[in-house]
Amino acid sequence: MPRYFLHIDDGTQRIEDHEGSELPDLAAARNEALGAARQLWAAAILDQRDIGVRSFSIADGNGTVVDTVRMDMALPRSLLDRLAGLHR
C-alpha cells in the first residue's frame, strides 16, 4: 500500500509529516487530510484561535507533492457562505 505524507503549510513555514500513513490511494489521503483539518478547526474554535490560511500538502513516497487540501475545504459550504457575507 502506498505511503502518503500530510505536511501542514501556512505560506511561510511547513510542519513536516515524517511518518506518513499507508493509504490505498490519493482519494483516501485527501479524505485523511480533510479529517485532520476538521480536527484542527475544532481545536482552534475551542481555543478561540484562527488557523488562518493553512493547507495540507499531500506528498507521495518519493516526496513529490501530489495534491493540496486547503483548511477551508473542511468547513461546510453554508458556513463559508455566511463568513463571506460578513467580509463584504
Protein backbone atom coordinates (compact mmCIF):
# COMPACT_ATOMS: atom_id res chain seq x y z
CA MET A 1 0.00 0.00 0.00
CA PRO A 2 1.38 3.47 -0.84
CA ARG A 3 2.55 5.86 1.87
CA TYR A 4 1.36 9.47 1.86
CA PHE A 5 2.70 12.35 3.93
CA LEU A 6 0.44 15.21 5.06
CA HIS A 7 2.60 18.29 5.56
CA ILE A 8 0.99 21.42 7.03
CA ASP A 9 1.84 24.66 5.23
CA ASP A 10 0.98 28.19 6.34
CA GLY A 11 2.61 30.08 3.48
CA THR A 12 5.83 30.79 5.34
CA GLN A 13 6.75 27.51 7.00
CA ARG A 14 5.97 23.82 6.79
CA ILE A 15 5.37 21.28 9.53
CA GLU A 16 6.68 18.04 8.07
CA ASP A 17 4.89 14.72 8.48
CA HIS A 18 7.89 12.41 8.87
CA GLU A 19 5.91 9.22 9.49
CA GLY A 20 3.23 9.33 6.82
CA SER A 21 0.34 6.92 6.56
CA GLU A 22 -0.23 3.87 4.43
CA LEU A 23 -3.39 4.57 2.47
CA PRO A 24 -4.94 2.81 -0.52
CA ASP A 25 -4.88 5.81 -2.87
CA LEU A 26 -4.78 9.58 -3.25
CA ALA A 27 -8.53 9.88 -2.58
CA ALA A 28 -8.01 8.24 0.82
CA ALA A 29 -5.08 10.59 1.53
CA ARG A 30 -7.28 13.55 0.64
CA ASN A 31 -10.02 12.30 2.99
CA GLU A 32 -7.39 11.88 5.72
CA ALA A 33 -6.27 15.49 5.21
CA LEU A 34 -9.86 16.75 5.36
CA GLY A 35 -10.45 14.84 8.59
CA ALA A 36 -7.26 16.25 10.11
CA ALA A 37 -8.28 19.76 9.02
CA ARG A 38 -11.66 19.33 10.75
CA GLN A 39 -9.88 18.31 13.95
CA LEU A 40 -7.59 21.34 13.74
CA TRP A 41 -10.58 23.65 13.16
CA ALA A 42 -12.42 22.13 16.15
CA ALA A 43 -9.43 22.68 18.45
CA ALA A 44 -8.91 26.20 17.11
CA ILE A 45 -12.55 27.13 17.68
CA LEU A 46 -12.47 25.80 21.25
CA ASP A 47 -9.29 27.83 21.89
CA GLN A 48 -10.72 30.87 20.07
CA ARG A 49 -7.83 30.84 17.58
CA ASP A 50 -7.79 31.36 13.85
CA ILE A 51 -5.80 28.76 11.98
CA GLY A 52 -5.52 31.11 9.04
CA VAL A 53 -4.71 30.11 5.51
CA ARG A 54 -3.06 26.81 6.27
CA SER A 55 -3.24 23.85 3.98
CA PHE A 56 -2.08 20.26 3.76
CA SER A 57 0.42 19.36 1.06
CA ILE A 58 -0.03 15.67 0.29
CA ALA A 59 3.25 14.07 -0.78
CA ASP A 60 3.78 10.57 -2.09
CA GLY A 61 6.51 8.18 -1.00
CA ASN A 62 9.00 9.92 -3.30
CA GLY A 63 8.38 13.28 -1.62
CA THR A 64 6.51 14.67 -4.62
CA VAL A 65 3.53 16.87 -3.69
CA VAL A 66 0.58 15.27 -5.49
CA ASP A 67 -2.27 17.37 -4.08
CA THR A 68 -3.09 20.26 -1.76
CA VAL A 69 -6.03 20.49 0.61
CA ARG A 70 -6.83 23.95 2.00
CA MET A 71 -8.13 24.06 5.56
CA ASP A 72 -11.27 25.89 4.47
CA MET A 73 -12.20 22.90 2.29
CA ALA A 74 -13.04 21.05 5.53
CA LEU A 75 -15.72 23.56 6.53
CA PRO A 76 -19.36 23.28 5.45
CA ARG A 77 -20.28 25.40 2.40
CA SER A 78 -23.10 27.11 4.34
CA LEU A 79 -20.61 28.35 6.95
CA LEU A 80 -18.19 29.58 4.30
CA ASP A 81 -21.02 31.46 2.58
CA ARG A 82 -22.01 33.13 5.86
CA LEU A 83 -18.43 34.10 6.62
CA ALA A 84 -18.00 35.51 3.11
CA GLY A 85 -21.09 37.66 3.69
CA LEU A 86 -19.52 39.14 6.81
CA HIS A 87 -16.49 40.33 4.84
CA ARG A 88 -18.38 42.19 2.12
